[in-house]
Amino acid sequence: MDSNQKKALARLRELRATADSIDYRWNGQEKLEEWKLAVRSALTRLHGAKSRVLADFESTDWFPRVLYSGMPGNAREEAFLRGASNSRAILSAAIREAEDYDQEDPGVHSAKVAKVNKKAFVVHGHDNEMKEAVARFLQKLGVEPVVLHEQASSGRTVIEKIEAHSDVAIAVVLLSPDDVGAVAANRRKLRPRARQNVVLELGYFIGRLGRSRVCAIVRSEVELPSDVHGFVYVPFEGDAWKLQIVRELKAQGMDIDANAAF
């Protein structure tokens, strides 16, 4: 670690300590924006402008993504405090990574940096056959499938578990016809829909990872979520979904031997 990086690490430690005092009273104040700007600068100097940790910090939400009539009065404050909590976690992880690097042989660190994230979060409903097929296919490709119910809860809520395991290369979202629904004005015309948790997590990972890192696989005539324009849904038929997953993984820089899985 050179002198500039050491200065950036020291600055990041200061900013992490300051983060412990962030509360909702900081909302809308210049000192919050100044703090964010200082964090961006330190992360850029320490980890680089294209680092994942900087991207994670930039994508942290401090305010509700959607405002709606009847929203609880404390919803804004809760979103703000989640943003502060997530930012503290990101800074702590960035500091630990830099400290580990500083203690390693440079050659070892270079190998670690070159290692590509080979995890894929699998979002699923009640279709266990579909889930197992996708998870096993990922394993054959040498990619670790992250299935939420297989992860330890450690006292966390479901959304906290999702956040804790969202450091993945891509998310594979399985939309299977587990529920039915209709427009209120035409209640008799029921259509198959994915589970509500699947739709929610689809939106979460689009926001977290970006549309290019989310692969949605659709089974049967399931109704597709609205307001996701320009998004590609892959039918769970033949090898089409397998080929799409391989393309998405390769787009993330993974060295995938597709022949091993077909």
Protein backbone atom coordinates (compact mmCIF):
# COMPACT_ATOMS: atom_id res chain seq x y z
CA MET A 1 0.00 0.00 0.00
CA ASP A 2 1.50 3.35 -1.05
CA SER A 3 1.44 6.56 0.99
CA ASN A 4 -1.67 7.95 -0.76
CA GLN A 5 -3.60 4.77 -0.07
CA LYS A 6 -2.53 4.81 3.57
CA LYS A 7 -3.80 8.38 3.86
CA ALA A 8 -7.06 7.36 2.23
CA LEU A 9 -7.40 4.44 4.66
CA ALA A 10 -6.82 6.73 7.63
CA ARG A 11 -9.41 9.14 6.24
CA LEU A 12 -11.88 6.32 5.73
CA ARG A 13 -11.47 5.25 9.36
CA GLU A 14 -12.30 8.81 10.44
CA LEU A 15 -15.38 8.86 8.24
CA ARG A 16 -16.47 5.48 9.56
CA ALA A 17 -16.22 6.78 13.11
CA THR A 18 -18.27 9.84 12.15
CA ALA A 19 -20.91 7.56 10.63
CA ASP A 20 -21.82 6.29 14.10
CA SER A 21 -23.29 9.70 14.91
CA ILE A 22 -25.51 9.89 11.82
CA ASP A 23 -29.19 10.13 12.70
CA TYR A 24 -32.30 11.47 11.02
CA ARG A 25 -31.43 15.02 12.03
CA TRP A 26 -28.73 14.90 9.35
CA ASN A 27 -31.46 14.57 6.71
CA GLY A 28 -31.26 17.47 4.26
CA GLN A 29 -28.20 18.99 5.93
CA GLU A 30 -25.06 19.96 4.08
CA LYS A 31 -22.87 17.96 6.42
CA LEU A 32 -24.47 14.72 5.19
CA GLU A 33 -23.65 15.57 1.57
CA GLU A 34 -20.15 16.62 2.61
CA TRP A 35 -19.73 13.30 4.42
CA LYS A 36 -20.89 11.33 1.38
CA LEU A 37 -18.55 13.29 -0.88
CA ALA A 38 -15.61 12.62 1.44
CA VAL A 39 -16.45 8.90 1.53
CA ARG A 40 -16.61 8.73 -2.27
CA SER A 41 -13.22 10.42 -2.51
CA ALA A 42 -11.59 8.12 0.06
CA LEU A 43 -13.09 4.95 -1.48
CA THR A 44 -11.95 6.03 -4.95
CA ARG A 45 -8.38 6.68 -3.79
CA LEU A 46 -8.26 3.46 -1.79
CA HIS A 47 -10.12 0.96 -3.99
CA GLY A 48 -10.48 2.63 -7.39
CA ALA A 49 -13.22 4.42 -9.30
CA LYS A 50 -14.64 1.15 -10.66
CA SER A 51 -14.53 -0.84 -7.44
CA ARG A 52 -17.52 -2.83 -6.22
CA VAL A 53 -17.38 -1.21 -2.79
CA LEU A 54 -17.72 2.27 -4.31
CA ALA A 55 -20.61 1.07 -6.49
CA ASP A 56 -22.31 -0.38 -3.42
CA PHE A 57 -21.94 2.90 -1.56
CA GLU A 58 -23.27 4.90 -4.52
CA SER A 59 -26.31 2.63 -4.84
CA THR A 60 -27.28 2.84 -1.16
CA ASP A 61 -30.80 4.20 -0.73
CA TRP A 62 -31.36 6.82 1.96
CA PHE A 63 -34.97 7.54 1.08
CA PRO A 64 -38.03 5.42 0.14
CA ARG A 65 -37.91 4.30 -3.48
CA VAL A 66 -41.66 4.81 -3.86
CA LEU A 67 -43.91 7.37 -2.19
CA TYR A 68 -47.56 6.45 -1.86
CA SER A 69 -50.73 7.65 -0.20
CA GLY A 70 -51.05 6.33 3.34
CA MET A 71 -47.32 5.77 3.79
CA PRO A 72 -46.48 5.55 7.52
CA GLY A 73 -45.16 8.81 8.92
CA ASN A 74 -41.89 7.23 10.01
CA ALA A 75 -41.21 5.52 6.65
CA ARG A 76 -38.80 8.24 5.52
CA GLU A 77 -36.88 8.09 8.79
CA GLU A 78 -36.66 4.28 8.69
CA ALA A 79 -35.35 4.39 5.10
CA PHE A 80 -32.80 7.04 6.09
CA LEU A 81 -31.58 4.98 9.05
CA ARG A 82 -31.30 1.86 6.86
CA GLY A 83 -29.19 3.88 4.44
CA ALA A 84 -26.95 4.99 7.28
CA SER A 85 -26.66 1.43 8.59
CA ASN A 86 -25.84 0.01 5.15
CA SER A 87 -23.25 2.75 4.58
CA ARG A 88 -21.55 1.93 7.88
CA ALA A 89 -21.39 -1.74 6.89
CA ILE A 90 -19.91 -0.87 3.48
CA LEU A 91 -17.24 1.34 5.04
CA SER A 92 -16.35 -1.31 7.61
CA ALA A 93 -15.96 -3.91 4.83
CA ALA A 94 -13.84 -1.50 2.75
CA ILE A 95 -11.54 -0.85 5.70
CA ARG A 96 -11.15 -4.57 6.49
CA GLU A 97 -10.35 -5.36 2.86
CA ALA A 98 -7.69 -2.63 2.75
CA GLU A 99 -6.19 -3.78 6.05
CA ASP A 100 -6.04 -7.39 4.83
CA TYR A 101 -4.31 -6.23 1.65
CA ASP A 102 -1.77 -4.24 3.64
CA GLN A 103 -0.80 -7.36 5.59
CA GLU A 104 -0.49 -9.62 2.54
CA ASP A 105 2.23 -10.25 0.05
CA PRO A 106 1.47 -8.09 -3.04
CA GLY A 107 1.44 -11.17 -5.26
CA VAL A 108 -1.20 -12.79 -3.08
CA HIS A 109 -3.31 -9.64 -3.21
CA SER A 110 -3.07 -9.48 -6.99
CA ALA A 111 -4.40 -13.02 -7.21
CA LYS A 112 -7.26 -12.13 -4.85
CA VAL A 113 -8.23 -9.06 -6.86
CA ALA A 114 -8.25 -11.11 -10.03
CA LYS A 115 -10.65 -13.63 -8.50
CA VAL A 116 -14.13 -13.13 -9.91
CA ASN A 117 -17.23 -13.29 -7.73
CA LYS A 118 -18.79 -16.65 -8.62
CA LYS A 119 -22.05 -16.48 -6.71
CA ALA A 120 -25.60 -16.28 -8.05
CA PHE A 121 -28.61 -15.48 -5.88
CA VAL A 122 -31.56 -17.70 -6.80
CA VAL A 123 -34.95 -16.11 -6.14
CA HIS A 124 -37.77 -18.65 -6.26
CA GLY A 125 -41.37 -19.34 -5.38
CA HIS A 126 -43.03 -22.71 -4.69
CA ASP A 127 -41.77 -24.51 -7.79
CA ASN A 128 -39.08 -26.71 -6.24
CA GLU A 129 -38.40 -28.56 -9.49
CA MET A 130 -37.54 -25.28 -11.21
CA LYS A 131 -35.40 -24.13 -8.29
CA GLU A 132 -33.46 -27.39 -8.11
CA ALA A 133 -32.87 -27.48 -11.87
CA VAL A 134 -31.43 -23.95 -11.90
CA ALA A 135 -29.38 -24.40 -8.71
CA ARG A 136 -27.83 -27.66 -9.91
CA PHE A 137 -27.07 -26.16 -13.32
CA LEU A 138 -25.22 -23.28 -11.66
CA GLN A 139 -23.20 -25.75 -9.59
CA LYS A 140 -22.19 -27.65 -12.73
CA LEU A 141 -20.88 -24.36 -14.11
CA GLY A 142 -18.77 -23.87 -10.99
CA VAL A 143 -21.01 -21.09 -9.64
CA GLU A 144 -22.29 -21.10 -6.07
CA PRO A 145 -26.11 -20.80 -5.98
CA VAL A 146 -27.29 -18.72 -3.01
CA VAL A 147 -30.75 -19.98 -2.00
CA LEU A 148 -32.19 -17.95 0.85
CA HIS A 149 -33.80 -20.70 2.93
CA GLU A 150 -30.52 -22.63 2.88
CA GLN A 151 -28.69 -19.76 4.60
CA ALA A 152 -28.50 -19.35 8.38
CA SER A 153 -30.91 -16.74 9.76
CA SER A 154 -28.73 -15.67 12.72
CA GLY A 155 -31.69 -13.78 14.17
CA ARG A 156 -32.19 -11.67 11.04
CA THR A 157 -35.43 -10.84 9.27
CA VAL A 158 -35.97 -12.09 5.71
CA ILE A 159 -35.04 -8.76 4.13
CA GLU A 160 -31.93 -8.57 6.32
CA LYS A 161 -30.92 -12.05 5.12
CA ILE A 162 -31.38 -10.96 1.51
CA GLU A 163 -29.24 -7.88 2.10
CA ALA A 164 -26.57 -9.95 3.86
CA HIS A 165 -26.28 -12.37 0.93
CA SER A 166 -26.71 -9.89 -1.94
CA ASP A 167 -22.99 -9.66 -2.72
CA VAL A 168 -23.35 -11.81 -5.84
CA ALA A 169 -22.35 -11.60 -9.49
CA ILE A 170 -25.92 -12.02 -10.72
CA ALA A 171 -29.42 -12.79 -9.48
CA VAL A 172 -31.48 -15.48 -11.21
CA VAL A 173 -35.17 -14.84 -10.56
CA LEU A 174 -37.63 -17.68 -11.16
CA LEU A 175 -41.17 -16.58 -11.95
CA SER A 176 -43.43 -19.63 -11.65
CA PRO A 177 -47.27 -19.62 -11.64
CA ASP A 178 -47.74 -20.15 -7.91
CA ASP A 179 -50.49 -17.56 -7.29
CA VAL A 180 -53.41 -16.10 -9.22
CA GLY A 181 -54.71 -12.54 -9.40
CA ALA A 182 -56.84 -10.12 -11.35
CA VAL A 183 -57.68 -6.46 -11.76
CA ALA A 184 -60.27 -5.45 -9.18
CA ALA A 185 -62.66 -4.36 -11.93
CA ASN A 186 -62.55 -7.82 -13.51
CA ARG A 187 -62.19 -10.25 -10.61
CA ARG A 188 -63.33 -13.28 -12.56
CA LYS A 189 -60.49 -13.12 -15.04
CA LEU A 190 -57.79 -14.61 -12.86
CA ARG A 191 -54.30 -15.00 -14.27
CA PRO A 192 -51.33 -17.01 -12.93
CA ARG A 193 -48.80 -14.87 -11.08
CA ALA A 194 -45.50 -15.33 -9.33
CA ARG A 195 -45.35 -15.18 -5.55
CA GLN A 196 -45.26 -11.68 -4.10
CA ASN A 197 -41.85 -12.28 -2.54
CA VAL A 198 -40.46 -13.15 -6.00
CA VAL A 199 -41.75 -9.91 -7.53
CA LEU A 200 -40.39 -7.92 -4.57
CA GLU A 201 -36.96 -9.54 -4.79
CA LEU A 202 -36.89 -9.06 -8.56
CA GLY A 203 -37.27 -5.32 -7.99
CA TYR A 204 -34.73 -5.38 -5.16
CA PHE A 205 -32.01 -7.00 -7.27
CA ILE A 206 -32.70 -4.78 -10.28
CA GLY A 207 -32.09 -1.83 -7.96
CA ARG A 208 -29.16 -3.47 -6.19
CA LEU A 209 -27.28 -4.99 -9.14
CA GLY A 210 -28.75 -3.27 -12.19
CA ARG A 211 -30.92 -4.82 -14.91
CA SER A 212 -27.92 -6.23 -16.77
CA ARG A 213 -27.08 -8.47 -13.80
CA VAL A 214 -30.55 -9.93 -13.28
CA CYS A 215 -31.74 -12.95 -15.27
CA ALA A 216 -35.49 -13.61 -15.04
CA ILE A 217 -36.72 -17.08 -16.03
CA VAL A 218 -40.44 -17.56 -16.63
CA ARG A 219 -42.45 -20.76 -16.50
CA SER A 220 -45.77 -21.23 -18.27
CA GLU A 221 -48.09 -18.27 -18.91
CA VAL A 222 -47.24 -16.41 -15.72
CA GLU A 223 -48.24 -12.73 -15.71
CA LEU A 224 -45.15 -10.52 -15.91
CA PRO A 225 -44.55 -7.63 -13.48
CA SER A 226 -45.42 -4.21 -14.86
CA ASP A 227 -43.12 -1.16 -15.11
CA VAL A 228 -40.01 -3.19 -16.00
CA HIS A 229 -39.57 -2.11 -19.61
CA GLY A 230 -36.76 -3.33 -21.84
CA PHE A 231 -36.19 -6.33 -19.60
CA VAL A 232 -35.64 -9.80 -21.07
CA TYR A 233 -37.65 -12.69 -19.64
CA VAL A 234 -36.37 -16.14 -20.60
CA PRO A 235 -38.83 -19.05 -20.92
CA PHE A 236 -38.11 -22.13 -18.83
CA GLU A 237 -38.12 -24.36 -21.88
CA GLY A 238 -35.48 -26.59 -23.44
CA ASP A 239 -31.96 -25.18 -23.12
CA ALA A 240 -32.90 -21.53 -23.72
CA TRP A 241 -32.71 -20.61 -20.04
CA LYS A 242 -29.39 -22.43 -19.63
CA LEU A 243 -27.83 -20.58 -22.54
CA GLN A 244 -29.05 -17.25 -21.16
CA ILE A 245 -27.53 -17.95 -17.74
CA VAL A 246 -24.21 -18.85 -19.40
CA ARG A 247 -24.28 -15.58 -21.36
CA GLU A 248 -25.02 -13.56 -18.22
CA LEU A 249 -22.21 -15.23 -16.27
CA LYS A 250 -19.69 -14.68 -19.05
CA ALA A 251 -20.75 -11.03 -19.22
CA GLN A 252 -19.58 -10.73 -15.60
CA GLY A 253 -16.10 -11.93 -16.54
CA MET A 254 -16.47 -15.55 -15.45
CA ASP A 255 -14.53 -18.25 -17.26
CA ILE A 256 -17.41 -20.65 -17.81
CA ASP A 257 -17.08 -24.05 -19.49
CA ALA A 258 -20.63 -24.52 -20.73
CA ASN A 259 -19.81 -28.00 -22.14
CA ALA A 260 -19.46 -29.29 -18.59
CA ALA A 261 -23.10 -28.51 -17.84
CA PHE A 262 -24.86 -29.73 -20.99
